[in-house]
Amino acid sequence: MTDFRDPALLPAREQARRIRAGELTATELLAACLARVERHNPELNAVVTLNPAAEAEAAAIDAALAAGADPGPLAGLVVGVKDVTETAGLRTTYGSPLFADHVPERDAVVVRRLREAGAVILGKTNTPEFAAGGNTWNEVFGVTRNPWNPALSAGGSTGGGAVALATGMVSLAHGTDLGGSLRIPASFCGIAGLRPTPGLVPTVPAAYLWDDLQATGLMARDPEDVAFGLRAISGPDPASPVCAPEPRWDDVEVDLAGSRWAYAGDVAGIGIDAAVGAACREALAFFRAGGAQVDEVDLDLSYAWDAFLVLRGHWFVSHFEAELHRVDAFGPNVSANLRSGLSLTPAEIGAAENVRRQVREELLTLLQRYDALLTPCMAIPPFPVEQNYPETVGGRPMKTYVDWIAPTFLLSMPGLPVACVPAGLDAAGLPVGLQVVGPPRGEGQVLAVASAISRVRPIGLPPLVAEA
């Protein structure tokens, strides 16, 4: 059971309520989170750079509240920032030896908004080099380990944030998602993550300013906390031409009775591990027993596989145009993407964009009949942490480091909100995540469905946290 005597393990919205009510101080919450860092981080390697100003930031929140001021909706919450996002005066390495000592002068927009909302920045969380990979490791800080089994991968690329959440080091975790980086580690670590509509949280600064393939968002220990945090950091910014309206959804509960969900077991056509499939089918049985209509549908998006790889290559070249003179100086994942992108023709990029349109149209047609689409987040359980990526899925060889994450990257293409929420545990006691896809600008609906799932399929804390 969750030990709610430890404020670090409370839901973020409850932490915020207690701080505002004077039942808990921001300083006390930060101390509890730092105690979790001291206890778990040496083994798991989630937080790679601590913010030396964190205690002063927490004290300033307490002083503001004592003076009757409103520090913002996230007052006192402890947040981890992915180490690919700029933090003023705090080392930001991008997981790359080329930037191991880089200290930005300015905050990224999302960090500025977190601070303005009253959040305390604990520090930076681990990521693969420039977020390129579904397993969190780099040559600067090493590997991040799964809190459910430290011999296994935590997923990526926001793996450090996911582990920090699962172990109570932070209240909320910031991250980015190009091909699944907010969903893969959420699935492997048993927490909630949301890839929002691109631009809902502007990704600025960015060399590729018109990027509408990557999204900036949050992970939390439950979907309600994702919604709570997302409201505080969303909305357009003059610096970004890619923007979405501020979220206006209310806190609503979705009842299983009357819900209409579609379920697709293998959207990527790569097969699915028996243990993952069994956990998902057990979850479907729970949903149906609660009155939900869950129809299994034949949805095969594998035709878009090559198109995503083309768009990803173009994305990397667009972001790294100033660094193309040293392609081989990057690690294997980044350099492979750059070489792939440099080989593309305009015709290939144009064709890929049209496939992307086709994927969106197909999903919009499906979502006219259903409230949400459910599908396994990962086709396999967490694999040994030493591997860059799994060699096979369902007996099928994986040719590149991104092949195995096709179930998430194919659902990045249409620009729809996609959440990941735990569906249960497999026979080995490891978390299995379900993706929840909703309609355009439907973050509220997606998170409400994810919340309904989490209420009927709670998985608790990782054993090492529950026993600590």
Protein backbone atom coordinates (compact mmCIF):
# COMPACT_ATOMS: atom_id res chain seq x y z
CA MET A 1 0.00 0.00 0.00
CA THR A 2 1.05 3.59 -0.58
CA ASP A 3 2.38 5.10 2.63
CA PHE A 4 0.67 8.48 2.64
CA ARG A 5 2.55 9.42 5.80
CA ASP A 6 5.37 10.21 3.35
CA PRO A 7 4.27 13.37 1.54
CA ALA A 8 6.55 12.52 -1.39
CA LEU A 9 4.18 9.70 -2.38
CA LEU A 10 0.96 11.72 -2.26
CA PRO A 11 -0.77 12.60 -5.52
CA ALA A 12 0.55 15.95 -6.77
CA ARG A 13 -2.85 17.61 -6.47
CA GLU A 14 -3.07 16.51 -2.82
CA GLN A 15 0.44 17.78 -2.16
CA ALA A 16 -0.63 21.14 -3.60
CA ARG A 17 -3.84 21.18 -1.54
CA ARG A 18 -1.97 20.51 1.69
CA ILE A 19 0.62 23.18 0.97
CA ARG A 20 -2.10 25.75 0.31
CA ALA A 21 -3.98 24.66 3.42
CA GLY A 22 -0.91 25.01 5.60
CA GLU A 23 -0.83 21.29 6.37
CA LEU A 24 2.49 20.83 4.58
CA THR A 25 5.21 23.26 3.57
CA ALA A 26 7.03 23.35 0.27
CA THR A 27 10.27 22.95 2.23
CA GLU A 28 8.97 19.78 3.89
CA LEU A 29 7.84 18.32 0.56
CA LEU A 30 11.19 19.04 -1.06
CA ALA A 31 12.98 17.41 1.89
CA ALA A 32 10.82 14.31 1.53
CA CYS A 33 11.59 14.13 -2.21
CA LEU A 34 15.31 14.63 -1.62
CA ALA A 35 15.23 11.80 0.91
CA ARG A 36 13.80 9.60 -1.85
CA VAL A 37 16.58 10.74 -4.17
CA GLU A 38 19.17 9.81 -1.56
CA ARG A 39 17.51 6.42 -1.01
CA HIS A 40 16.85 5.31 -4.58
CA ASN A 41 18.90 7.37 -7.02
CA PRO A 42 22.30 5.71 -6.40
CA GLU A 43 20.87 2.46 -7.73
CA LEU A 44 18.39 3.72 -10.33
CA ASN A 45 20.12 6.86 -11.72
CA ALA A 46 17.00 8.89 -12.48
CA VAL A 47 18.15 12.38 -11.45
CA VAL A 48 21.47 13.38 -13.00
CA THR A 49 21.87 17.00 -11.88
CA LEU A 50 20.36 18.44 -8.71
CA ASN A 51 19.29 22.08 -8.60
CA PRO A 52 21.39 23.79 -5.90
CA ALA A 53 18.75 26.52 -5.63
CA ALA A 54 15.86 24.11 -4.94
CA GLU A 55 15.78 24.72 -1.18
CA ALA A 56 15.73 28.47 -1.70
CA GLU A 57 12.93 28.10 -4.26
CA ALA A 58 10.87 26.06 -1.78
CA ALA A 59 11.51 28.59 0.99
CA ALA A 60 10.35 31.40 -1.30
CA ILE A 61 7.07 29.56 -1.92
CA ASP A 62 6.53 29.15 1.83
CA ALA A 63 7.29 32.84 2.40
CA ALA A 64 4.86 33.90 -0.30
CA LEU A 65 2.07 31.77 1.16
CA ALA A 66 2.78 33.08 4.65
CA ALA A 67 2.46 36.62 3.31
CA GLY A 68 -0.91 35.84 1.75
CA ALA A 69 0.36 35.83 -1.84
CA ASP A 70 -0.59 33.27 -4.47
CA PRO A 71 2.55 31.58 -5.86
CA GLY A 72 0.53 29.77 -8.55
CA PRO A 73 -1.45 26.55 -9.02
CA LEU A 74 1.60 24.28 -8.64
CA ALA A 75 2.82 26.03 -5.50
CA GLY A 76 5.51 23.90 -3.89
CA LEU A 77 5.26 20.89 -6.19
CA VAL A 78 8.61 19.28 -6.94
CA VAL A 79 9.32 18.81 -10.65
CA GLY A 80 12.02 17.03 -12.62
CA VAL A 81 13.00 18.53 -15.98
CA LYS A 82 14.22 16.24 -18.75
CA ASP A 83 17.87 16.90 -19.54
CA VAL A 84 17.14 17.94 -23.11
CA THR A 85 15.30 21.08 -22.02
CA GLU A 86 17.05 24.32 -21.10
CA THR A 87 17.18 25.45 -17.47
CA ALA A 88 18.79 28.81 -16.72
CA GLY A 89 21.98 28.43 -14.71
CA LEU A 90 21.54 24.66 -14.37
CA ARG A 91 23.56 22.21 -16.42
CA THR A 92 21.73 20.86 -19.46
CA THR A 93 23.77 18.18 -21.26
CA TYR A 94 21.21 16.72 -23.72
CA GLY A 95 22.77 13.42 -22.65
CA SER A 96 25.67 14.17 -24.98
CA PRO A 97 29.42 14.30 -24.21
CA LEU A 98 29.57 17.22 -26.64
CA PHE A 99 27.51 19.29 -24.18
CA ALA A 100 28.57 17.71 -20.88
CA ASP A 101 29.33 21.11 -19.30
CA HIS A 102 26.69 23.20 -21.04
CA VAL A 103 24.84 25.69 -18.81
CA PRO A 104 22.02 27.63 -20.56
CA GLU A 105 21.42 31.29 -19.85
CA ARG A 106 17.63 31.11 -20.21
CA ASP A 107 14.79 28.77 -19.29
CA ALA A 108 12.81 27.03 -21.98
CA VAL A 109 9.20 28.21 -22.13
CA VAL A 110 7.92 25.12 -20.31
CA VAL A 111 10.42 25.60 -17.46
CA ARG A 112 9.54 29.27 -17.19
CA ARG A 113 5.86 28.34 -16.94
CA LEU A 114 6.57 25.71 -14.30
CA ARG A 115 8.39 28.30 -12.21
CA GLU A 116 5.67 30.90 -12.73
CA ALA A 117 3.10 28.34 -11.58
CA GLY A 118 5.03 27.89 -8.33
CA ALA A 119 6.83 24.62 -9.00
CA VAL A 120 10.20 23.88 -7.42
CA ILE A 121 12.74 22.47 -9.87
CA LEU A 122 14.44 19.48 -8.23
CA GLY A 123 16.89 19.04 -11.08
CA LYS A 124 17.44 17.32 -14.42
CA THR A 125 16.35 13.76 -15.24
CA ASN A 126 18.23 11.31 -17.40
CA THR A 127 17.63 10.79 -21.12
CA PRO A 128 19.33 9.13 -24.07
CA GLU A 129 21.51 11.45 -26.13
CA PHE A 130 19.18 14.12 -27.51
CA ALA A 131 16.22 11.89 -26.53
CA ALA A 132 17.07 9.41 -29.33
CA GLY A 133 16.12 6.02 -27.96
CA GLY A 134 13.57 3.94 -26.11
CA ASN A 135 16.10 2.90 -23.45
CA THR A 136 17.54 5.61 -21.21
CA TRP A 137 21.33 5.61 -21.30
CA ASN A 138 24.07 7.95 -22.43
CA GLU A 139 27.83 8.35 -22.25
CA VAL A 140 27.62 11.21 -19.77
CA PHE A 141 25.58 9.65 -16.97
CA GLY A 142 25.11 5.97 -17.85
CA VAL A 143 21.93 3.91 -17.65
CA THR A 144 18.67 4.50 -15.78
CA ARG A 145 17.20 1.37 -14.20
CA ASN A 146 13.62 0.21 -13.80
CA PRO A 147 12.20 0.62 -10.26
CA TRP A 148 10.22 -2.61 -10.61
CA ASN A 149 13.38 -4.57 -11.44
CA PRO A 150 16.69 -2.66 -11.58
CA ALA A 151 18.16 -5.21 -14.00
CA LEU A 152 15.68 -4.02 -16.64
CA SER A 153 15.16 -0.96 -18.83
CA ALA A 154 13.08 1.97 -17.60
CA GLY A 155 12.18 2.82 -21.20
CA GLY A 156 12.90 6.13 -22.83
CA SER A 157 13.49 8.69 -23.67
CA THR A 158 11.96 10.31 -20.57
CA GLY A 159 13.17 7.37 -18.49
CA GLY A 160 14.71 9.41 -15.71
CA GLY A 161 11.49 11.31 -15.16
CA ALA A 162 9.41 8.13 -15.06
CA VAL A 163 11.69 6.50 -12.48
CA ALA A 164 11.77 9.65 -10.37
CA LEU A 165 7.97 9.67 -10.29
CA ALA A 166 7.58 5.98 -9.51
CA THR A 167 9.92 6.32 -6.53
CA GLY A 168 8.61 9.60 -5.12
CA MET A 169 11.59 11.78 -6.05
CA VAL A 170 9.30 14.28 -7.81
CA SER A 171 5.64 15.29 -7.91
CA LEU A 172 5.51 15.73 -11.69
CA ALA A 173 7.96 14.97 -14.48
CA HIS A 174 8.41 17.10 -17.57
CA GLY A 175 9.27 15.38 -20.84
CA THR A 176 9.08 15.36 -24.61
CA ASP A 177 7.58 12.83 -27.02
CA LEU A 178 8.57 12.35 -30.66
CA GLY A 179 8.06 8.61 -31.10
CA GLY A 180 6.79 7.61 -27.65
CA SER A 181 9.12 9.20 -25.11
CA LEU A 182 6.36 10.10 -22.64
CA ARG A 183 4.55 6.79 -23.12
CA ILE A 184 7.24 4.10 -23.31
CA PRO A 185 8.74 4.84 -19.87
CA ALA A 186 5.26 5.35 -18.43
CA SER A 187 4.41 1.81 -19.55
CA PHE A 188 7.64 0.25 -18.27
CA CYS A 189 7.56 2.11 -14.92
CA GLY A 190 3.84 1.84 -14.12
CA ILE A 191 2.86 5.53 -14.19
CA ALA A 192 0.76 7.81 -16.40
CA GLY A 193 2.03 9.84 -19.33
CA LEU A 194 0.40 11.99 -21.97
CA ARG A 195 1.60 13.00 -25.40
CA PRO A 196 -0.56 16.10 -25.89
CA THR A 197 -1.45 17.85 -29.11
CA PRO A 198 1.82 19.27 -30.49
CA GLY A 199 2.04 22.92 -29.50
CA LEU A 200 -0.30 22.65 -26.51
CA VAL A 201 2.88 23.21 -24.52
CA PRO A 202 5.22 25.14 -26.84
CA THR A 203 8.64 23.60 -27.42
CA VAL A 204 10.77 26.75 -27.40
CA PRO A 205 13.65 27.30 -27.89
CA ALA A 206 14.09 24.95 -30.81
CA ALA A 207 16.17 25.09 -33.97
CA TYR A 208 13.25 23.48 -35.85
CA LEU A 209 10.69 26.07 -34.84
CA TRP A 210 7.88 24.73 -37.08
CA ASP A 211 8.13 21.25 -35.55
CA ASP A 212 4.66 19.66 -35.33
CA LEU A 213 5.86 16.07 -34.82
CA GLN A 214 7.32 16.32 -31.32
CA ALA A 215 5.23 17.27 -28.28
CA THR A 216 6.16 18.61 -24.84
CA GLY A 217 4.18 17.28 -21.89
CA LEU A 218 4.08 15.66 -18.48
CA MET A 219 4.08 12.35 -16.66
CA ALA A 220 2.60 11.77 -13.20
CA ARG A 221 1.67 8.96 -10.87
CA ASP A 222 -1.93 9.09 -12.10
CA PRO A 223 -3.85 10.69 -14.99
CA GLU A 224 -5.57 13.25 -12.76
CA ASP A 225 -2.19 14.65 -11.81
CA VAL A 226 -1.24 14.89 -15.48
CA ALA A 227 -4.35 17.01 -16.08
CA PHE A 228 -3.65 19.10 -12.98
CA GLY A 229 -0.13 19.92 -14.09
CA LEU A 230 -0.89 20.34 -17.77
CA ARG A 231 -3.40 23.12 -17.19
CA ALA A 232 -0.71 25.22 -15.57
CA ILE A 233 1.79 25.05 -18.44
CA SER A 234 -0.39 24.94 -21.57
CA GLY A 235 -1.32 27.62 -24.05
CA PRO A 236 0.21 29.52 -26.97
CA ASP A 237 3.38 31.58 -26.78
CA PRO A 238 4.38 34.35 -29.22
CA ALA A 239 7.75 32.68 -29.75
CA SER A 240 6.18 29.52 -31.18
CA PRO A 241 4.32 29.30 -34.52
CA VAL A 242 3.11 25.81 -33.53
CA CYS A 243 0.48 26.30 -30.86
CA ALA A 244 -2.82 24.98 -29.58
CA PRO A 245 -5.49 26.66 -27.45
CA GLU A 246 -5.29 26.47 -23.70
CA PRO A 247 -7.09 23.39 -22.34
CA ARG A 248 -10.57 24.23 -21.07
CA TRP A 249 -11.76 20.83 -19.93
CA ASP A 250 -13.42 20.33 -16.58
CA ASP A 251 -12.54 17.56 -14.15
CA VAL A 252 -14.99 14.87 -15.23
CA GLU A 253 -15.24 11.20 -14.43
CA VAL A 254 -15.86 8.63 -17.11
CA ASP A 255 -18.02 5.74 -15.96
CA LEU A 256 -17.30 2.35 -17.45
CA ALA A 257 -21.02 1.83 -17.90
CA GLY A 258 -21.94 3.41 -21.20
CA SER A 259 -18.37 3.88 -22.41
CA ARG A 260 -17.62 2.83 -26.00
CA TRP A 261 -14.01 1.92 -26.60
CA ALA A 262 -12.25 0.29 -29.52
CA TYR A 263 -9.34 -2.07 -28.80
CA ALA A 264 -6.61 -2.91 -31.31
CA GLY A 265 -4.07 -5.46 -30.12
CA ASP A 266 -1.26 -4.87 -32.62
CA VAL A 267 -1.43 -1.63 -34.61
CA ALA A 268 2.18 -2.04 -35.78
CA GLY A 269 1.97 -5.60 -37.05
CA ILE A 270 5.01 -6.73 -35.08
CA GLY A 271 3.28 -9.22 -32.82
CA ILE A 272 2.88 -8.98 -29.07
CA ASP A 273 4.50 -10.78 -26.16
CA ALA A 274 2.18 -13.34 -24.58
CA ALA A 275 2.53 -11.82 -21.10
CA VAL A 276 1.66 -8.33 -22.37
CA GLY A 277 -1.29 -9.64 -24.36
CA ALA A 278 -2.61 -11.58 -21.37
CA ALA A 279 -2.45 -8.53 -19.09
CA CYS A 280 -4.29 -6.40 -21.64
CA ARG A 281 -7.01 -9.00 -22.15
CA GLU A 282 -7.48 -9.31 -18.41
CA ALA A 283 -7.95 -5.54 -18.29
CA LEU A 284 -10.52 -5.69 -21.09
CA ALA A 285 -12.48 -8.25 -19.09
CA PHE A 286 -12.55 -5.84 -16.13
CA PHE A 287 -13.78 -3.02 -18.35
CA ARG A 288 -16.55 -5.13 -19.82
CA ALA A 289 -17.58 -6.40 -16.41
CA GLY A 290 -17.96 -2.76 -15.37
CA GLY A 291 -20.35 -2.11 -18.23
CA ALA A 292 -18.04 -0.73 -20.91
CA GLN A 293 -18.54 -1.69 -24.54
CA VAL A 294 -15.10 -2.68 -25.78
CA ASP A 295 -15.00 -3.81 -29.40
CA GLU A 296 -11.91 -5.41 -30.84
CA VAL A 297 -11.12 -3.77 -34.16
CA ASP A 298 -8.72 -4.61 -36.96
CA LEU A 299 -6.45 -1.57 -37.12
CA ASP A 300 -3.18 -2.05 -39.00
CA LEU A 301 -1.05 1.09 -39.27
CA SER A 302 2.08 -0.72 -40.37
CA TYR A 303 1.78 0.92 -43.80
CA ALA A 304 2.95 4.15 -42.11
CA TRP A 305 6.13 2.63 -40.66
CA ASP A 306 8.52 3.84 -43.37
CA ALA A 307 6.81 7.21 -43.51
CA PHE A 308 7.52 7.84 -39.84
CA LEU A 309 11.18 6.97 -40.30
CA VAL A 310 11.34 9.47 -43.17
CA LEU A 311 9.73 12.19 -41.05
CA ARG A 312 12.02 11.35 -38.15
CA GLY A 313 15.08 11.68 -40.39
CA HIS A 314 13.84 15.03 -41.66
CA TRP A 315 13.16 16.07 -38.05
CA PHE A 316 16.73 15.30 -36.99
CA VAL A 317 18.30 17.15 -39.91
CA SER A 318 16.06 20.16 -39.23
CA HIS A 319 17.03 20.24 -35.56
CA PHE A 320 20.73 19.57 -36.09
CA GLU A 321 21.39 21.58 -39.25
CA ALA A 322 24.04 23.62 -37.45
CA GLU A 323 25.81 20.44 -36.33
CA LEU A 324 25.89 18.53 -39.62
CA HIS A 325 29.63 19.11 -39.96
CA ARG A 326 30.18 16.64 -37.10
CA VAL A 327 27.60 13.93 -37.67
CA ASP A 328 29.96 11.17 -36.55
CA ALA A 329 30.72 12.93 -33.25
CA PHE A 330 27.30 11.99 -31.91
CA GLY A 331 26.34 8.61 -30.51
CA PRO A 332 25.05 5.80 -32.72
CA ASN A 333 21.34 6.65 -32.44
CA VAL A 334 21.65 10.34 -33.29
CA SER A 335 24.23 9.86 -36.03
CA ALA A 336 22.16 7.11 -37.67
CA ASN A 337 19.12 9.38 -37.77
CA LEU A 338 21.15 12.23 -39.24
CA ARG A 339 22.63 10.06 -41.98
CA SER A 340 19.16 8.71 -42.76
CA GLY A 341 17.75 12.22 -42.95
CA LEU A 342 20.53 13.49 -45.18
CA SER A 343 19.77 10.76 -47.73
CA LEU A 344 16.13 11.79 -48.16
CA THR A 345 14.63 13.39 -51.25
CA PRO A 346 11.87 16.02 -51.27
CA ALA A 347 9.61 13.47 -52.96
CA GLU A 348 10.11 11.02 -50.07
CA ILE A 349 9.31 13.68 -47.50
CA GLY A 350 6.20 14.74 -49.41
CA ALA A 351 4.99 11.15 -49.69
CA ALA A 352 5.54 10.60 -45.96
CA GLU A 353 3.44 13.67 -45.12
CA ASN A 354 0.62 12.26 -47.22
CA VAL A 355 0.82 8.93 -45.39
CA ARG A 356 0.64 10.89 -42.16
CA ARG A 357 -2.57 12.50 -43.40
CA GLN A 358 -3.97 9.05 -44.21
CA VAL A 359 -3.27 7.82 -40.67
CA ARG A 360 -5.06 10.82 -39.18
CA GLU A 361 -8.09 10.36 -41.44
CA GLU A 362 -8.32 6.66 -40.57
CA LEU A 363 -8.21 7.35 -36.84
CA LEU A 364 -10.72 10.20 -37.05
CA THR A 365 -13.13 7.87 -38.83
CA LEU A 366 -12.70 5.28 -36.08
CA LEU A 367 -13.18 7.88 -33.34
CA GLN A 368 -16.51 8.90 -34.81
CA ARG A 369 -17.82 5.53 -33.58
CA TYR A 370 -15.93 5.28 -30.28
CA ASP A 371 -15.02 7.49 -27.35
CA ALA A 372 -11.41 6.31 -27.44
CA LEU A 373 -9.04 3.81 -28.99
CA LEU A 374 -7.14 1.51 -26.65
CA THR A 375 -4.01 -0.39 -27.68
CA PRO A 376 -0.99 -1.86 -25.87
CA CYS A 377 1.71 0.73 -25.39
CA MET A 378 4.57 -1.75 -25.70
CA ALA A 379 4.54 -5.14 -27.42
CA ILE A 380 7.08 -6.51 -24.93
CA PRO A 381 7.83 -6.22 -21.21
CA PRO A 382 10.95 -4.34 -20.05
CA PHE A 383 14.17 -5.90 -21.37
CA PRO A 384 17.71 -6.04 -19.90
CA VAL A 385 19.00 -2.53 -19.30
CA GLU A 386 22.33 -3.22 -21.01
CA GLN A 387 20.66 -3.62 -24.40
CA ASN A 388 20.25 -0.55 -26.59
CA TYR A 389 17.04 -2.13 -27.87
CA PRO A 390 15.48 -5.63 -27.92
CA GLU A 391 16.71 -7.86 -30.72
CA THR A 392 13.33 -9.44 -31.45
CA VAL A 393 9.64 -8.85 -30.81
CA GLY A 394 7.34 -11.83 -31.18
CA GLY A 395 10.20 -13.64 -32.90
CA ARG A 396 10.59 -10.89 -35.51
CA PRO A 397 14.10 -9.36 -35.75
CA MET A 398 14.31 -5.63 -35.09
CA LYS A 399 16.46 -3.93 -37.74
CA THR A 400 16.87 -0.54 -36.05
CA TYR A 401 16.72 0.86 -32.53
CA VAL A 402 13.24 2.29 -33.17
CA ASP A 403 11.50 -0.72 -34.76
CA TRP A 404 10.32 -2.09 -31.43
CA ILE A 405 8.61 1.19 -30.49
CA ALA A 406 6.40 1.20 -33.61
CA PRO A 407 3.24 0.83 -31.44
CA THR A 408 3.93 4.32 -30.09
CA PHE A 409 5.59 6.08 -33.01
CA LEU A 410 2.79 5.20 -35.43
CA LEU A 411 0.38 6.95 -33.06
CA SER A 412 2.61 10.04 -32.95
CA MET A 413 1.90 10.72 -36.61
CA PRO A 414 -1.72 12.01 -36.59
CA GLY A 415 -1.20 14.72 -33.96
CA LEU A 416 -3.93 13.40 -31.66
CA PRO A 417 -3.60 13.27 -27.85
CA VAL A 418 -2.37 9.88 -26.64
CA ALA A 419 -2.07 8.81 -23.01
CA CYS A 420 -0.45 5.78 -21.43
CA VAL A 421 -1.92 4.33 -18.25
CA PRO A 422 -1.14 1.07 -16.41
CA ALA A 423 -3.46 -1.77 -17.42
CA GLY A 424 -2.13 -4.14 -14.77
CA LEU A 425 0.89 -6.30 -14.04
CA ASP A 426 2.10 -9.24 -16.08
CA ALA A 427 2.90 -12.68 -14.67
CA ALA A 428 6.40 -11.48 -13.70
CA GLY A 429 4.96 -8.56 -11.74
CA LEU A 430 5.99 -5.92 -14.29
CA PRO A 431 3.71 -3.04 -15.38
CA VAL A 432 1.87 -3.19 -18.70
CA GLY A 433 0.59 0.07 -20.16
CA LEU A 434 -2.37 0.81 -22.41
CA GLN A 435 -2.39 3.71 -24.83
CA VAL A 436 -5.57 5.81 -24.97
CA VAL A 437 -6.10 7.77 -28.18
CA GLY A 438 -8.73 10.50 -28.36
CA PRO A 439 -10.16 13.05 -30.79
CA PRO A 440 -8.45 16.29 -31.85
CA ARG A 441 -7.78 18.59 -28.87
CA GLY A 442 -9.31 15.86 -26.72
CA GLU A 443 -6.78 15.84 -23.89
CA GLY A 444 -9.54 16.07 -21.29
CA GLN A 445 -11.42 13.11 -22.74
CA VAL A 446 -8.27 11.02 -23.05
CA LEU A 447 -7.25 11.70 -19.46
CA ALA A 448 -10.77 10.99 -18.19
CA VAL A 449 -10.73 7.58 -19.91
CA ALA A 450 -7.25 6.91 -18.55
CA SER A 451 -8.48 7.83 -15.06
CA ALA A 452 -11.37 5.37 -15.37
CA ILE A 453 -8.87 2.66 -16.31
CA SER A 454 -6.58 3.50 -13.41
CA ARG A 455 -9.46 3.29 -10.94
CA VAL A 456 -10.29 -0.29 -11.91
CA ARG A 457 -6.68 -1.41 -12.54
CA PRO A 458 -4.53 0.07 -9.73
CA ILE A 459 -1.06 -1.47 -9.60
CA GLY A 460 0.43 0.20 -6.52
CA LEU A 461 4.06 1.11 -6.04
CA PRO A 462 7.18 -0.75 -7.14
CA PRO A 463 8.23 -3.24 -4.45
CA LEU A 464 11.45 -1.39 -3.60
CA VAL A 465 9.39 1.74 -2.86
CA ALA A 466 6.61 -0.04 -0.98
CA GLU A 467 9.12 -1.86 1.19
CA ALA A 468 11.31 1.16 1.90
